[in-house]
Amino acid sequence: MPTSLKGHFLIATPALNGSYFHHSVIYLCEHDDNGAMGLVINQPADIMLDELLTQVNIENAAPSTASTPILLGGPMQQNQGVILHDSPRNIEISSQIAGDVYLCASTDLLKILGTERSPAHSLIALGYSGWEAGQLEQEIVDNSWLTTAADNDVLFNTPSDKCWHAAAELLGIDINLISDTVGHA
């Protein structure tokens, strides 16, 4: 396993069936000796961006806000929103995670999503997923997660209901063929 899985996908194995992370794909934003933090990228909330903007009193009349789903990034701090995006255009309010993927927690970016100043691709999530030091590594050893380098096409262009399969295909795996029984050979 690489020293850090920052910028990688965690793909839930069938061992997580019945849990919050059932069929989840998580984009890891941080991973070091202190723990890990990531965003579930394939669990839509029951709210669209235009509704969220209204709730937080942000004006943005871009037509795409009505068709932009908000995601449930994880079970922690679900009242906190974050944005993953692919454009360095707004780098002063964003932090680079890996390659051309950036993380932003500023509401300033919400004001321009869907406009000509917007990043080309973005995901908006409420909440995040987090692990204490050593916890994620143990879950990987326990066969709860598969890992692979993230792919921007899967991250930004794959519909939520296809994301779990698409991420597993990056490893050459048909995820439906993996047993939900945990064990080691």
Protein backbone atom coordinates (compact mmCIF):
# COMPACT_ATOMS: atom_id res chain seq x y z
CA MET A 1 0.00 0.00 0.00
CA PRO A 2 1.32 3.48 -0.79
CA THR A 3 2.37 5.62 2.17
CA SER A 4 -0.60 7.90 1.54
CA LEU A 5 -3.84 7.15 -0.25
CA LYS A 6 -4.62 10.84 -0.69
CA GLY A 7 -6.15 11.29 -4.15
CA HIS A 8 -7.30 7.64 -4.28
CA PHE A 9 -10.69 5.98 -4.28
CA LEU A 10 -11.89 3.71 -1.51
CA ILE A 11 -14.39 1.25 -2.97
CA ALA A 12 -16.68 -0.46 -0.48
CA THR A 13 -16.57 -4.23 -0.71
CA PRO A 14 -19.69 -6.32 -0.20
CA ALA A 15 -18.46 -6.83 3.40
CA LEU A 16 -19.92 -3.35 4.09
CA ASN A 17 -23.44 -4.31 2.93
CA GLY A 18 -25.96 -3.00 5.42
CA SER A 19 -23.67 -0.23 6.68
CA TYR A 20 -23.69 3.50 5.97
CA PHE A 21 -20.99 2.83 3.36
CA HIS A 22 -22.93 0.19 1.39
CA HIS A 23 -21.81 0.48 -2.28
CA SER A 24 -19.87 3.67 -1.50
CA VAL A 25 -16.99 5.15 -3.40
CA ILE A 26 -14.96 7.62 -1.36
CA TYR A 27 -12.48 10.12 -2.72
CA LEU A 28 -9.71 10.50 -0.11
CA CYS A 29 -8.82 14.15 0.46
CA GLU A 30 -6.34 13.49 3.28
CA HIS A 31 -4.44 10.44 4.50
CA ASP A 32 -1.43 10.52 6.77
CA ASP A 33 -0.19 9.20 10.12
CA ASN A 34 -2.95 11.13 11.91
CA GLY A 35 -5.83 9.50 10.01
CA ALA A 36 -7.84 10.04 6.86
CA MET A 37 -10.67 12.19 5.51
CA GLY A 38 -12.70 11.66 2.38
CA LEU A 39 -15.98 12.31 0.62
CA VAL A 40 -18.52 9.74 -0.52
CA ILE A 41 -19.02 10.64 -4.17
CA ASN A 42 -21.99 8.44 -5.02
CA GLN A 43 -24.69 9.01 -2.39
CA PRO A 44 -27.04 11.78 -3.52
CA ALA A 45 -28.94 13.69 -0.85
CA ASP A 46 -32.58 14.55 -1.32
CA ILE A 47 -31.71 18.13 -2.23
CA MET A 48 -30.51 19.96 -5.32
CA LEU A 49 -28.06 22.85 -5.40
CA ASP A 50 -30.72 25.50 -6.01
CA GLU A 51 -32.55 24.40 -2.83
CA LEU A 52 -29.33 24.45 -0.81
CA LEU A 53 -28.47 27.94 -2.08
CA THR A 54 -31.90 29.17 -1.00
CA GLN A 55 -31.46 27.64 2.47
CA VAL A 56 -28.10 29.38 2.99
CA ASN A 57 -29.19 32.68 1.38
CA ILE A 58 -26.74 32.59 -1.53
CA GLU A 59 -27.81 34.07 -4.85
CA ASN A 60 -26.87 32.14 -7.95
CA ALA A 61 -29.30 32.19 -10.87
CA ALA A 62 -27.38 29.73 -13.07
CA PRO A 63 -29.91 27.30 -14.64
CA SER A 64 -27.69 24.29 -13.84
CA THR A 65 -28.22 24.73 -10.09
CA ALA A 66 -31.68 23.11 -10.43
CA SER A 67 -30.17 19.92 -11.85
CA THR A 68 -27.04 19.72 -9.68
CA PRO A 69 -27.45 17.13 -6.92
CA ILE A 70 -25.94 17.53 -3.48
CA LEU A 71 -24.10 14.48 -2.15
CA LEU A 72 -23.89 12.99 1.33
CA GLY A 73 -20.13 13.08 1.80
CA GLY A 74 -20.22 11.04 4.96
CA PRO A 75 -21.72 10.69 8.40
CA MET A 76 -19.58 13.37 10.06
CA GLN A 77 -20.62 17.06 10.24
CA GLN A 78 -23.42 16.80 7.70
CA ASN A 79 -24.21 20.48 8.18
CA GLN A 80 -20.80 21.38 6.69
CA GLY A 81 -20.52 21.63 2.91
CA VAL A 82 -17.44 21.08 0.79
CA ILE A 83 -16.80 21.20 -2.93
CA LEU A 84 -14.46 19.05 -5.00
CA HIS A 85 -13.60 20.68 -8.32
CA ASP A 86 -11.17 20.39 -11.20
CA SER A 87 -10.21 23.93 -12.04
CA PRO A 88 -7.30 25.84 -10.57
CA ARG A 89 -9.17 29.01 -11.58
CA ASN A 90 -10.34 29.49 -7.98
CA ILE A 91 -7.14 28.34 -6.32
CA GLU A 92 -7.08 31.20 -3.79
CA ILE A 93 -10.10 29.65 -2.01
CA SER A 94 -9.25 26.00 -2.71
CA SER A 95 -6.59 23.51 -1.72
CA GLN A 96 -5.02 21.15 -4.23
CA ILE A 97 -5.52 17.50 -3.31
CA ALA A 98 -3.92 15.72 -6.25
CA GLY A 99 -3.29 16.54 -9.90
CA ASP A 100 -6.13 18.77 -10.98
CA VAL A 101 -8.52 18.05 -8.11
CA TYR A 102 -9.13 20.75 -5.52
CA LEU A 103 -11.13 21.00 -2.30
CA CYS A 104 -13.01 24.13 -1.24
CA ALA A 105 -15.09 24.85 1.86
CA SER A 106 -15.81 28.49 0.98
CA THR A 107 -19.32 29.61 0.13
CA ASP A 108 -17.73 32.00 -2.39
CA LEU A 109 -17.47 29.12 -4.86
CA LEU A 110 -21.19 28.36 -4.50
CA LYS A 111 -21.93 31.85 -5.81
CA ILE A 112 -20.27 31.16 -9.17
CA LEU A 113 -21.08 27.48 -9.83
CA GLY A 114 -22.72 27.15 -13.23
CA THR A 115 -21.47 30.53 -14.44
CA GLU A 116 -18.64 31.31 -16.86
CA ARG A 117 -16.31 31.67 -13.83
CA SER A 118 -17.20 28.20 -12.52
CA PRO A 119 -14.87 25.22 -12.54
CA ALA A 120 -15.65 22.88 -15.43
CA HIS A 121 -16.55 20.04 -13.03
CA SER A 122 -17.54 20.02 -9.38
CA LEU A 123 -19.19 17.91 -6.69
CA ILE A 124 -20.88 19.44 -3.66
CA ALA A 125 -21.09 17.31 -0.53
CA LEU A 126 -22.57 17.73 2.91
CA GLY A 127 -20.52 16.02 5.59
CA TYR A 128 -17.43 13.90 5.29
CA SER A 129 -16.02 10.51 6.21
CA GLY A 130 -13.15 10.32 8.67
CA TRP A 131 -10.84 7.77 10.26
CA GLU A 132 -8.52 8.01 13.24
CA ALA A 133 -4.85 7.05 12.96
CA GLY A 134 -4.57 3.43 11.83
CA GLN A 135 -8.33 2.89 11.55
CA LEU A 136 -8.55 3.02 7.75
CA GLU A 137 -5.51 0.80 7.36
CA GLN A 138 -7.17 -1.79 9.61
CA GLU A 139 -10.41 -1.60 7.62
CA ILE A 140 -8.43 -2.24 4.42
CA VAL A 141 -6.72 -5.24 6.04
CA ASP A 142 -10.18 -6.45 7.10
CA ASN A 143 -11.26 -6.40 3.41
CA SER A 144 -13.79 -3.59 3.87
CA TRP A 145 -12.27 -1.44 1.12
CA LEU A 146 -10.54 -1.78 -2.22
CA THR A 147 -8.23 1.07 -3.20
CA THR A 148 -7.19 2.50 -6.52
CA ALA A 149 -5.86 5.77 -7.88
CA ALA A 150 -8.77 8.13 -8.50
CA ASP A 151 -9.94 8.76 -12.03
CA ASN A 152 -11.43 12.17 -12.84
CA ASP A 153 -13.91 10.69 -15.32
CA VAL A 154 -15.35 8.45 -12.60
CA LEU A 155 -15.13 11.29 -10.08
CA PHE A 156 -16.87 13.99 -12.10
CA ASN A 157 -18.69 12.36 -15.02
CA THR A 158 -20.07 9.03 -13.82
CA PRO A 159 -23.66 8.98 -12.52
CA SER A 160 -23.94 8.08 -8.84
CA ASP A 161 -25.73 4.81 -9.51
CA LYS A 162 -22.91 3.63 -11.81
CA CYS A 163 -19.96 4.93 -9.79
CA TRP A 164 -19.40 1.84 -7.58
CA HIS A 165 -19.11 -0.47 -10.59
CA ALA A 166 -17.05 2.04 -12.60
CA ALA A 167 -14.54 2.51 -9.77
CA ALA A 168 -14.11 -1.26 -9.36
CA GLU A 169 -13.61 -1.60 -13.11
CA LEU A 170 -10.53 0.62 -12.76
CA LEU A 171 -9.03 -2.40 -10.97
CA GLY A 172 -10.33 -4.80 -13.62
CA ILE A 173 -12.85 -6.19 -11.13
CA ASP A 174 -16.51 -7.06 -11.51
CA ILE A 175 -17.53 -5.99 -8.00
CA ASN A 176 -20.60 -8.25 -8.18
CA LEU A 177 -18.30 -11.29 -8.14
CA ILE A 178 -16.69 -10.41 -4.80
CA SER A 179 -17.98 -12.37 -1.83
CA ASP A 180 -19.43 -10.57 1.16
CA THR A 181 -17.65 -13.04 3.42
CA VAL A 182 -14.57 -11.55 5.03
CA GLY A 183 -11.48 -13.71 5.35
CA HIS A 184 -7.83 -14.14 4.54
CA ALA A 185 -6.13 -16.88 2.58
